[in-house]
N, C-alpha and C. Protein backbone atom coordinates (compact mmCIF):
# COMPACT_ATOMS: atom_id res chain seq x y z
N MET A 1 89.91 103.83 110.07
CA MET A 1 89.24 104.99 110.63
C MET A 1 90.25 106.14 110.72
N PRO A 2 89.94 107.27 110.12
CA PRO A 2 90.87 108.41 110.17
C PRO A 2 90.86 109.07 111.54
N LEU A 3 91.80 110.00 111.73
CA LEU A 3 91.80 110.81 112.96
C LEU A 3 90.50 111.59 113.02
N SER A 4 90.10 111.91 114.22
CA SER A 4 88.88 112.71 114.38
C SER A 4 89.12 114.12 113.85
N PRO A 5 88.06 114.78 113.37
CA PRO A 5 88.23 116.16 112.90
C PRO A 5 88.67 117.05 114.06
N PRO A 6 89.54 118.03 113.80
CA PRO A 6 89.95 118.93 114.88
C PRO A 6 88.76 119.72 115.39
N THR A 7 88.74 119.96 116.68
CA THR A 7 87.63 120.70 117.28
C THR A 7 87.97 122.17 117.49
N ILE A 8 89.23 122.51 117.29
CA ILE A 8 89.69 123.89 117.45
C ILE A 8 90.35 124.30 116.13
N PRO A 9 90.06 125.48 115.61
CA PRO A 9 90.70 125.92 114.35
C PRO A 9 92.22 125.88 114.47
N ARG A 10 92.87 125.51 113.38
CA ARG A 10 94.32 125.40 113.39
C ARG A 10 94.88 125.79 112.03
N THR A 11 96.18 126.08 111.99
CA THR A 11 96.85 126.55 110.78
C THR A 11 98.05 125.67 110.51
N LEU A 12 98.13 125.15 109.30
CA LEU A 12 99.28 124.33 108.91
C LEU A 12 100.53 125.19 108.88
N LYS A 13 101.59 124.72 109.52
CA LYS A 13 102.85 125.44 109.58
C LYS A 13 104.00 124.68 108.94
N HIS A 14 103.95 123.35 109.00
CA HIS A 14 105.10 122.56 108.56
C HIS A 14 104.61 121.20 108.07
N THR A 15 105.23 120.70 107.02
CA THR A 15 104.93 119.35 106.54
C THR A 15 106.22 118.59 106.33
N ARG A 16 106.31 117.46 106.96
CA ARG A 16 107.40 116.51 106.71
C ARG A 16 106.79 115.32 105.98
N ALA A 17 107.39 114.95 104.88
CA ALA A 17 106.93 113.79 104.12
C ALA A 17 108.08 112.79 104.02
N ILE A 18 107.73 111.53 104.25
CA ILE A 18 108.70 110.44 104.16
C ILE A 18 108.13 109.38 103.24
N SER A 19 108.92 108.92 102.31
CA SER A 19 108.47 107.81 101.46
C SER A 19 109.61 106.83 101.29
N ILE A 20 109.24 105.57 101.14
CA ILE A 20 110.21 104.51 100.91
C ILE A 20 109.67 103.64 99.79
N SER A 21 110.48 103.41 98.79
CA SER A 21 110.11 102.52 97.69
C SER A 21 111.11 101.37 97.67
N ALA A 22 110.58 100.16 97.45
CA ALA A 22 111.42 98.96 97.41
C ALA A 22 111.44 98.42 95.99
N PHE A 23 112.63 98.04 95.54
CA PHE A 23 112.81 97.55 94.19
C PHE A 23 113.57 96.22 94.21
N ALA A 24 112.99 95.20 93.58
CA ALA A 24 113.71 93.94 93.37
C ALA A 24 114.57 94.12 92.12
N ARG A 25 115.87 93.92 92.27
CA ARG A 25 116.80 94.13 91.17
C ARG A 25 117.01 92.83 90.39
N GLU A 26 117.39 92.97 89.14
CA GLU A 26 117.62 91.79 88.30
C GLU A 26 118.79 90.95 88.75
N ASP A 27 119.68 91.53 89.57
CA ASP A 27 120.83 90.76 90.07
C ASP A 27 120.53 90.01 91.36
N GLY A 28 119.27 90.05 91.81
CA GLY A 28 118.88 89.33 93.03
C GLY A 28 118.93 90.16 94.29
N LEU A 29 119.48 91.37 94.23
CA LEU A 29 119.51 92.26 95.38
C LEU A 29 118.25 93.12 95.38
N TRP A 30 118.05 93.84 96.48
CA TRP A 30 116.92 94.77 96.61
C TRP A 30 117.44 96.15 96.97
N ASP A 31 116.83 97.17 96.38
CA ASP A 31 117.12 98.57 96.72
C ASP A 31 115.95 99.13 97.51
N PHE A 32 116.27 99.84 98.58
CA PHE A 32 115.28 100.60 99.34
C PHE A 32 115.64 102.07 99.20
N ASP A 33 114.82 102.79 98.44
CA ASP A 33 115.04 104.21 98.20
C ASP A 33 114.14 104.99 99.15
N ALA A 34 114.76 105.71 100.08
CA ALA A 34 114.01 106.48 101.08
C ALA A 34 114.22 107.97 100.83
N HIS A 35 113.17 108.74 101.08
CA HIS A 35 113.17 110.17 100.75
C HIS A 35 112.46 110.93 101.87
N ILE A 36 113.02 112.04 102.29
CA ILE A 36 112.40 112.87 103.32
C ILE A 36 112.44 114.32 102.85
N THR A 37 111.32 115.02 103.04
CA THR A 37 111.28 116.45 102.75
C THR A 37 110.63 117.19 103.90
N ASP A 38 111.06 118.43 104.08
CA ASP A 38 110.45 119.35 105.05
C ASP A 38 110.11 120.63 104.31
N HIS A 39 108.86 121.08 104.49
CA HIS A 39 108.41 122.34 103.89
C HIS A 39 107.71 123.20 104.94
N LYS A 40 107.95 124.49 104.89
CA LYS A 40 107.25 125.45 105.74
C LYS A 40 106.18 126.15 104.90
N THR A 41 105.19 126.70 105.56
CA THR A 41 104.11 127.41 104.85
C THR A 41 104.36 128.91 104.81
N ARG A 42 105.59 129.31 105.07
CA ARG A 42 105.95 130.72 105.04
C ARG A 42 107.44 130.82 104.72
N ASP A 43 107.88 132.00 104.35
CA ASP A 43 109.31 132.23 104.20
C ASP A 43 109.96 132.08 105.58
N ILE A 44 111.12 131.44 105.63
CA ILE A 44 111.81 131.32 106.92
C ILE A 44 113.22 131.88 106.80
N LYS A 45 113.64 132.55 107.84
CA LYS A 45 114.99 133.12 107.88
C LYS A 45 115.92 132.12 108.53
N LEU A 46 116.92 131.68 107.78
CA LEU A 46 117.95 130.79 108.28
C LEU A 46 119.25 131.57 108.39
N ALA A 47 120.19 131.05 109.12
CA ALA A 47 121.51 131.70 109.18
C ALA A 47 122.12 131.79 107.79
N SER A 48 121.75 130.85 106.92
CA SER A 48 122.30 130.83 105.56
C SER A 48 121.50 131.67 104.57
N GLY A 49 120.42 132.30 105.04
CA GLY A 49 119.59 133.12 104.16
C GLY A 49 118.13 132.77 104.27
N VAL A 50 117.31 133.43 103.48
CA VAL A 50 115.86 133.20 103.52
C VAL A 50 115.51 132.01 102.63
N ARG A 51 114.71 131.11 103.17
CA ARG A 51 114.18 130.00 102.38
C ARG A 51 112.73 130.34 102.08
N PRO A 52 112.39 130.59 100.81
CA PRO A 52 111.04 131.00 100.46
C PRO A 52 110.00 129.91 100.74
N GLU A 53 108.80 130.34 101.05
CA GLU A 53 107.68 129.42 101.22
C GLU A 53 107.59 128.50 100.00
N GLY A 54 107.34 127.23 100.27
CA GLY A 54 107.20 126.26 99.18
C GLY A 54 108.51 125.61 98.76
N GLN A 55 109.64 126.21 99.09
CA GLN A 55 110.92 125.61 98.76
C GLN A 55 111.35 124.70 99.91
N ALA A 56 111.80 123.52 99.58
CA ALA A 56 112.14 122.53 100.62
C ALA A 56 113.26 123.02 101.51
N LEU A 57 113.06 122.83 102.81
CA LEU A 57 114.13 123.06 103.79
C LEU A 57 115.08 121.86 103.76
N HIS A 58 114.48 120.67 103.72
CA HIS A 58 115.25 119.43 103.54
C HIS A 58 114.66 118.67 102.36
N ASP A 59 115.52 118.10 101.56
CA ASP A 59 115.13 117.19 100.48
C ASP A 59 116.28 116.19 100.38
N LEU A 60 116.13 115.08 101.09
CA LEU A 60 117.22 114.14 101.30
C LEU A 60 116.82 112.74 100.83
N HIS A 61 117.79 112.00 100.32
CA HIS A 61 117.56 110.65 99.82
C HIS A 61 118.63 109.71 100.36
N ILE A 62 118.21 108.47 100.58
CA ILE A 62 119.18 107.42 100.88
C ILE A 62 118.71 106.15 100.19
N ARG A 63 119.64 105.47 99.53
CA ARG A 63 119.36 104.16 98.92
C ARG A 63 120.21 103.13 99.65
N VAL A 64 119.54 102.13 100.19
CA VAL A 64 120.22 101.04 100.87
C VAL A 64 119.96 99.78 100.05
N THR A 65 121.02 99.12 99.64
CA THR A 65 120.92 97.88 98.85
C THR A 65 121.23 96.71 99.76
N VAL A 66 120.34 95.71 99.73
CA VAL A 66 120.49 94.54 100.60
C VAL A 66 120.38 93.25 99.79
N ASN A 67 120.91 92.18 100.38
CA ASN A 67 120.69 90.86 99.79
C ASN A 67 119.44 90.24 100.41
N LEU A 68 119.14 89.02 100.07
CA LEU A 68 117.90 88.39 100.54
C LEU A 68 117.91 88.08 102.03
N GLN A 69 119.09 88.16 102.66
CA GLN A 69 119.18 87.98 104.11
C GLN A 69 119.13 89.34 104.82
N LEU A 70 118.87 90.41 104.07
CA LEU A 70 118.76 91.79 104.56
C LEU A 70 120.10 92.35 105.04
N GLN A 71 121.18 91.80 104.52
CA GLN A 71 122.52 92.32 104.78
C GLN A 71 122.75 93.52 103.85
N VAL A 72 123.20 94.63 104.39
CA VAL A 72 123.45 95.83 103.60
C VAL A 72 124.74 95.63 102.80
N VAL A 73 124.61 95.75 101.47
CA VAL A 73 125.79 95.56 100.60
C VAL A 73 126.22 96.86 99.93
N ASP A 74 125.37 97.88 99.93
CA ASP A 74 125.76 99.18 99.38
C ASP A 74 124.82 100.25 99.91
N VAL A 75 125.31 101.48 99.93
CA VAL A 75 124.52 102.63 100.39
C VAL A 75 124.93 103.85 99.58
N GLU A 76 123.93 104.64 99.22
CA GLU A 76 124.18 105.92 98.58
C GLU A 76 123.25 106.93 99.23
N ALA A 77 123.75 108.11 99.53
CA ALA A 77 122.93 109.18 100.11
C ALA A 77 123.18 110.47 99.34
N CYS A 78 122.16 111.31 99.26
CA CYS A 78 122.35 112.63 98.66
C CYS A 78 121.42 113.62 99.34
N SER A 79 121.84 114.86 99.32
CA SER A 79 121.10 115.94 99.96
C SER A 79 120.87 117.04 98.92
N ASP A 80 119.64 117.11 98.40
CA ASP A 80 119.32 118.09 97.36
C ASP A 80 118.94 119.45 97.92
N ALA A 81 118.39 119.50 99.12
CA ALA A 81 118.09 120.77 99.78
C ALA A 81 118.44 120.61 101.25
N VAL A 82 119.21 121.56 101.76
CA VAL A 82 119.67 121.53 103.15
C VAL A 82 119.68 122.96 103.69
N PRO A 83 119.61 123.14 105.01
CA PRO A 83 119.62 124.49 105.56
C PRO A 83 120.99 125.17 105.49
N TYR A 84 122.06 124.40 105.41
CA TYR A 84 123.41 124.97 105.37
C TYR A 84 124.15 124.43 104.15
N PRO A 85 123.82 124.93 102.95
CA PRO A 85 124.46 124.44 101.72
C PRO A 85 125.97 124.56 101.80
N GLY A 86 126.63 123.52 101.31
CA GLY A 86 128.08 123.49 101.35
C GLY A 86 128.63 122.84 102.60
N TYR A 87 127.76 122.61 103.58
CA TYR A 87 128.17 122.00 104.85
C TYR A 87 127.39 120.71 105.14
N CYS A 88 126.06 120.80 105.10
CA CYS A 88 125.24 119.63 105.44
C CYS A 88 125.56 118.42 104.55
N GLU A 89 125.62 118.66 103.24
CA GLU A 89 125.70 117.54 102.29
C GLU A 89 127.05 116.83 102.26
N VAL A 90 128.08 117.39 102.89
CA VAL A 90 129.39 116.74 102.83
C VAL A 90 129.44 115.43 103.62
N ILE A 91 128.44 115.18 104.46
CA ILE A 91 128.43 113.96 105.27
C ILE A 91 127.87 112.76 104.51
N THR A 92 127.24 112.98 103.36
CA THR A 92 126.55 111.86 102.70
C THR A 92 127.45 110.66 102.40
N PRO A 93 128.72 110.81 102.02
CA PRO A 93 129.54 109.61 101.78
C PRO A 93 129.70 108.74 103.03
N ASP A 94 129.58 109.32 104.22
CA ASP A 94 129.74 108.55 105.45
C ASP A 94 128.65 107.50 105.65
N TYR A 95 127.56 107.61 104.92
CA TYR A 95 126.49 106.62 105.07
C TYR A 95 126.88 105.26 104.51
N LYS A 96 128.01 105.19 103.81
CA LYS A 96 128.57 103.89 103.41
C LYS A 96 128.94 103.07 104.64
N LYS A 97 129.07 103.72 105.80
CA LYS A 97 129.38 103.00 107.05
C LYS A 97 128.30 101.99 107.42
N LEU A 98 127.13 102.07 106.77
CA LEU A 98 126.05 101.12 107.04
C LEU A 98 126.29 99.78 106.36
N ILE A 99 127.20 99.74 105.39
CA ILE A 99 127.49 98.49 104.70
C ILE A 99 128.00 97.46 105.72
N GLY A 100 127.44 96.26 105.61
CA GLY A 100 127.80 95.19 106.53
C GLY A 100 126.78 94.96 107.63
N LEU A 101 125.95 95.99 107.92
CA LEU A 101 124.89 95.81 108.91
C LEU A 101 123.77 94.97 108.31
N ASN A 102 122.94 94.41 109.17
CA ASN A 102 121.78 93.64 108.73
C ASN A 102 120.53 94.34 109.23
N LEU A 103 119.57 94.56 108.34
CA LEU A 103 118.36 95.30 108.72
C LEU A 103 117.58 94.62 109.85
N MET A 104 117.77 93.32 110.05
CA MET A 104 117.03 92.59 111.08
C MET A 104 117.84 92.26 112.33
N LYS A 105 119.09 92.67 112.36
CA LYS A 105 119.95 92.30 113.49
C LYS A 105 120.63 93.54 114.05
N GLN A 106 119.96 94.20 114.97
CA GLN A 106 120.48 95.37 115.67
C GLN A 106 120.90 96.48 114.72
N PHE A 107 120.14 96.63 113.61
CA PHE A 107 120.45 97.66 112.62
C PHE A 107 120.38 99.05 113.23
N ARG A 108 119.30 99.35 113.95
CA ARG A 108 119.14 100.70 114.51
C ARG A 108 120.28 101.03 115.47
N GLN A 109 120.69 100.06 116.25
CA GLN A 109 121.83 100.27 117.15
C GLN A 109 123.09 100.56 116.35
N GLY A 110 123.31 99.82 115.27
CA GLY A 110 124.47 100.04 114.43
C GLY A 110 124.47 101.42 113.79
N VAL A 111 123.28 101.87 113.36
CA VAL A 111 123.15 103.22 112.78
C VAL A 111 123.54 104.25 113.84
N LYS A 112 123.02 104.08 115.05
CA LYS A 112 123.32 105.04 116.13
C LYS A 112 124.82 105.07 116.43
N GLU A 113 125.44 103.91 116.48
CA GLU A 113 126.87 103.84 116.80
C GLU A 113 127.73 104.53 115.74
N ARG A 114 127.28 104.49 114.49
CA ARG A 114 128.11 105.00 113.39
C ARG A 114 127.77 106.43 112.96
N LEU A 115 126.49 106.83 113.11
CA LEU A 115 126.06 108.04 112.40
C LEU A 115 125.18 109.01 113.20
N THR A 116 125.24 108.97 114.52
CA THR A 116 124.44 109.94 115.27
C THR A 116 125.28 111.15 115.64
N GLY A 117 124.58 112.19 116.06
CA GLY A 117 125.26 113.41 116.50
C GLY A 117 126.10 114.01 115.39
N VAL A 118 127.31 114.43 115.72
CA VAL A 118 128.19 115.10 114.76
C VAL A 118 128.75 114.14 113.71
N HIS A 119 128.46 112.86 113.84
CA HIS A 119 128.96 111.86 112.89
C HIS A 119 128.00 111.60 111.73
N GLY A 120 126.89 112.33 111.69
CA GLY A 120 125.93 112.11 110.62
C GLY A 120 124.99 113.28 110.47
N CYS A 121 124.03 113.12 109.59
CA CYS A 121 122.94 114.09 109.40
C CYS A 121 121.74 113.56 110.16
N THR A 122 121.20 114.36 111.04
CA THR A 122 120.07 113.93 111.87
C THR A 122 118.96 113.32 111.02
N HIS A 123 118.64 113.95 109.90
CA HIS A 123 117.49 113.53 109.10
C HIS A 123 117.79 112.28 108.27
N LEU A 124 118.98 112.18 107.70
CA LEU A 124 119.34 110.95 106.98
C LEU A 124 119.44 109.77 107.94
N THR A 125 119.95 110.01 109.13
CA THR A 125 120.05 108.95 110.13
C THR A 125 118.67 108.48 110.55
N GLU A 126 117.76 109.43 110.78
CA GLU A 126 116.39 109.07 111.13
C GLU A 126 115.74 108.27 109.99
N LEU A 127 115.98 108.68 108.77
CA LEU A 127 115.42 107.99 107.61
C LEU A 127 115.94 106.56 107.52
N ALA A 128 117.23 106.38 107.76
CA ALA A 128 117.81 105.04 107.73
C ALA A 128 117.18 104.14 108.79
N GLN A 129 116.86 104.70 109.95
CA GLN A 129 116.36 103.88 111.06
C GLN A 129 114.96 103.32 110.83
N ILE A 130 114.22 103.84 109.85
CA ILE A 130 112.88 103.28 109.62
C ILE A 130 112.89 102.20 108.53
N LEU A 131 114.06 101.91 107.98
CA LEU A 131 114.14 100.93 106.90
C LEU A 131 113.80 99.49 107.30
N PRO A 132 114.12 99.02 108.51
CA PRO A 132 113.82 97.61 108.81
C PRO A 132 112.36 97.22 108.63
N THR A 133 111.44 98.00 109.15
CA THR A 133 110.03 97.61 109.00
C THR A 133 109.56 97.75 107.57
N ALA A 134 110.08 98.72 106.84
CA ALA A 134 109.73 98.86 105.43
C ALA A 134 110.24 97.65 104.64
N ALA A 135 111.43 97.19 104.98
CA ALA A 135 111.99 96.03 104.28
C ALA A 135 111.16 94.78 104.53
N ILE A 136 110.70 94.60 105.75
CA ILE A 136 109.87 93.43 106.05
C ILE A 136 108.58 93.49 105.25
N GLN A 137 107.97 94.67 105.18
CA GLN A 137 106.75 94.81 104.38
C GLN A 137 107.02 94.50 102.91
N ALA A 138 108.14 94.97 102.40
CA ALA A 138 108.49 94.73 101.00
C ALA A 138 108.76 93.25 100.74
N PHE A 139 109.44 92.59 101.67
CA PHE A 139 109.79 91.18 101.50
C PHE A 139 108.60 90.25 101.71
N ALA A 140 107.59 90.71 102.46
CA ALA A 140 106.44 89.85 102.78
C ALA A 140 105.75 89.38 101.51
N GLY A 141 105.65 88.08 101.37
CA GLY A 141 105.00 87.50 100.22
C GLY A 141 105.91 87.29 99.03
N ASP A 142 107.04 88.01 98.97
CA ASP A 142 108.00 87.84 97.89
C ASP A 142 109.21 87.04 98.34
N VAL A 143 109.77 87.43 99.47
CA VAL A 143 110.97 86.76 99.99
C VAL A 143 110.62 86.00 101.27
N ILE A 144 109.80 86.60 102.10
CA ILE A 144 109.38 85.98 103.37
C ILE A 144 107.99 85.41 103.18
N ASP A 145 107.83 84.14 103.51
CA ASP A 145 106.52 83.50 103.38
C ASP A 145 105.65 83.89 104.57
N THR A 146 104.57 84.57 104.29
CA THR A 146 103.66 85.01 105.35
C THR A 146 102.38 84.20 105.37
N ARG A 147 102.31 83.19 104.51
CA ARG A 147 101.11 82.35 104.47
C ARG A 147 101.22 81.21 105.47
N ASP A 148 100.11 80.60 105.74
CA ASP A 148 100.09 79.41 106.58
C ASP A 148 99.46 78.32 105.72
N SER A 149 100.28 77.37 105.31
CA SER A 149 99.76 76.33 104.43
C SER A 149 100.09 74.96 104.99
N ALA A 150 99.19 74.04 104.76
CA ALA A 150 99.43 72.67 105.21
C ALA A 150 100.54 72.03 104.38
N SER A 151 100.72 72.49 103.15
CA SER A 151 101.82 72.00 102.33
C SER A 151 102.27 73.13 101.41
N ASP A 152 103.47 73.04 100.91
CA ASP A 152 103.96 74.09 100.02
C ASP A 152 103.38 73.90 98.62
N HIS A 153 103.78 74.76 97.69
CA HIS A 153 103.23 74.72 96.34
C HIS A 153 103.47 73.38 95.65
N ALA A 154 104.55 72.72 95.96
CA ALA A 154 104.87 71.45 95.32
C ALA A 154 104.22 70.27 96.04
N GLY A 155 103.43 70.55 97.08
CA GLY A 155 102.77 69.48 97.82
C GLY A 155 103.68 68.78 98.79
N ASN A 156 104.76 69.43 99.19
CA ASN A 156 105.70 68.82 100.12
C ASN A 156 105.15 68.83 101.54
N ALA A 157 105.98 68.43 102.47
CA ALA A 157 105.57 68.29 103.87
C ALA A 157 104.98 69.58 104.42
N ALA A 158 104.16 69.43 105.43
CA ALA A 158 103.50 70.56 106.08
C ALA A 158 104.53 71.55 106.61
N GLN A 159 104.14 72.80 106.61
CA GLN A 159 104.98 73.89 107.12
C GLN A 159 105.31 73.61 108.59
N THR A 160 106.60 73.72 108.92
CA THR A 160 107.01 73.40 110.29
C THR A 160 107.29 74.64 111.12
N GLN A 161 107.37 75.80 110.49
CA GLN A 161 107.59 77.05 111.21
C GLN A 161 106.38 77.96 111.02
N PRO A 162 106.02 78.72 112.06
CA PRO A 162 104.89 79.64 111.89
C PRO A 162 105.23 80.74 110.89
N PRO A 163 104.23 81.32 110.25
CA PRO A 163 104.48 82.45 109.37
C PRO A 163 105.28 83.53 110.11
N PHE A 164 106.13 84.21 109.36
CA PHE A 164 107.09 85.16 109.92
C PHE A 164 106.46 86.18 110.85
N GLN A 165 105.30 86.71 110.50
CA GLN A 165 104.72 87.85 111.21
C GLN A 165 104.13 87.50 112.58
N LEU A 166 103.94 86.22 112.85
CA LEU A 166 103.30 85.86 114.12
C LEU A 166 104.20 86.15 115.31
N ASP A 167 103.58 86.66 116.37
CA ASP A 167 104.22 86.99 117.64
C ASP A 167 105.21 88.16 117.50
N ARG A 168 104.96 89.06 116.53
CA ARG A 168 105.82 90.22 116.34
C ARG A 168 105.08 91.54 116.58
N CYS A 169 103.79 91.47 116.90
CA CYS A 169 103.03 92.67 117.26
C CYS A 169 101.85 92.24 118.12
N HIS A 170 101.18 93.20 118.73
CA HIS A 170 100.12 92.86 119.68
C HIS A 170 98.97 92.14 119.00
N ALA A 171 98.62 92.49 117.76
CA ALA A 171 97.48 91.85 117.08
C ALA A 171 97.78 90.40 116.75
N LEU A 172 99.03 90.09 116.46
CA LEU A 172 99.38 88.74 116.04
C LEU A 172 100.16 87.97 117.10
N ARG A 173 99.88 88.29 118.37
CA ARG A 173 100.51 87.51 119.44
C ARG A 173 99.89 86.11 119.44
N LEU A 174 100.70 85.13 119.74
CA LEU A 174 100.25 83.74 119.64
C LEU A 174 99.07 83.42 120.55
N ASP A 175 98.92 84.14 121.64
CA ASP A 175 97.79 83.88 122.54
C ASP A 175 96.61 84.82 122.28
N GLY A 176 96.61 85.50 121.14
CA GLY A 176 95.56 86.46 120.85
C GLY A 176 94.49 85.93 119.91
N PRO A 177 93.35 86.61 119.89
CA PRO A 177 92.21 86.15 119.08
C PRO A 177 92.45 86.20 117.57
N ALA A 178 93.30 87.09 117.08
CA ALA A 178 93.55 87.14 115.63
C ALA A 178 94.26 85.87 115.17
N VAL A 179 95.23 85.41 115.96
CA VAL A 179 95.93 84.17 115.59
C VAL A 179 94.97 82.99 115.70
N VAL A 180 94.13 82.97 116.71
CA VAL A 180 93.14 81.90 116.83
C VAL A 180 92.25 81.86 115.58
N GLN A 181 91.85 83.02 115.10
CA GLN A 181 90.95 83.08 113.95
C GLN A 181 91.65 82.79 112.63
N TYR A 182 92.82 83.40 112.40
CA TYR A 182 93.44 83.32 111.08
C TYR A 182 94.57 82.29 110.96
N TYR A 183 95.18 81.94 112.08
CA TYR A 183 96.29 80.97 112.08
C TYR A 183 96.09 79.97 113.23
N PRO A 184 94.97 79.26 113.26
CA PRO A 184 94.60 78.47 114.44
C PRO A 184 95.63 77.42 114.85
N ARG A 185 96.33 76.83 113.91
CA ARG A 185 97.26 75.77 114.33
C ARG A 185 98.49 76.31 115.05
N TRP A 186 98.73 77.62 114.98
CA TRP A 186 99.87 78.21 115.68
C TRP A 186 99.44 78.90 116.98
N ALA A 187 98.15 78.92 117.24
CA ALA A 187 97.64 79.61 118.44
C ALA A 187 98.08 78.90 119.71
N LYS A 188 98.45 79.70 120.70
CA LYS A 188 98.82 79.18 122.02
C LYS A 188 98.06 79.97 123.06
N PRO A 189 96.81 79.59 123.33
CA PRO A 189 96.02 80.35 124.29
C PRO A 189 96.74 80.46 125.63
N SER A 190 96.58 81.61 126.25
CA SER A 190 97.22 81.81 127.56
C SER A 190 96.50 80.93 128.58
N PRO A 191 97.22 80.52 129.63
CA PRO A 191 96.63 79.62 130.64
C PRO A 191 95.39 80.20 131.31
N ASP A 192 95.31 81.53 131.43
CA ASP A 192 94.16 82.13 132.10
C ASP A 192 93.07 82.54 131.13
N ALA A 193 93.21 82.18 129.83
CA ALA A 193 92.16 82.54 128.86
C ALA A 193 90.92 81.69 129.14
N LYS A 194 89.78 82.34 129.12
CA LYS A 194 88.51 81.64 129.37
C LYS A 194 88.00 81.06 128.08
N SER A 195 87.53 79.83 128.14
CA SER A 195 86.96 79.24 126.95
C SER A 195 85.54 79.76 126.76
N PRO A 196 85.10 79.92 125.48
CA PRO A 196 83.76 80.45 125.25
C PRO A 196 82.70 79.53 125.81
N SER A 197 81.60 80.07 126.34
CA SER A 197 80.55 79.24 126.92
C SER A 197 79.65 78.70 125.83
């Protein structure tokens, strides 16, 4: 269901677009290419000069390469459009400081410790911080098993761990109706749940 139509006339002033693409590499690693742009619907006066309508205020990229355990093994960042040319983009090599972090183990905290404030670019840092959930979506079904099967493809013993996504959001909480419906053997009804009459 989309957002409701606006009830008061409004005028578009700014658009920020963020995209993330995930690539499985032939060497067994994965690349996450993230991109952020900011555009105004009018010419804007910056300290560095006028940025014409339609020309990006920000056009920034970061590529984070991880192994199958989501450990960061390489990072590349670039800034194609910035408000202060010659100054903003000089920080991009510092994003190599993310190497060694794990997207699933306090990654956002590690990003903050290494690259917030004057130690990074606000927009590249923000872009890096959304990578963990994108990585999980990319790995789902390819690297992380999200199915619930009584046996694996080879007919081996029954699955002993719940699918990865269970108990990680409100819809898939173990005591919730979605788990009861779609993953019944992992459901753990709450003690105060009423049984259907």
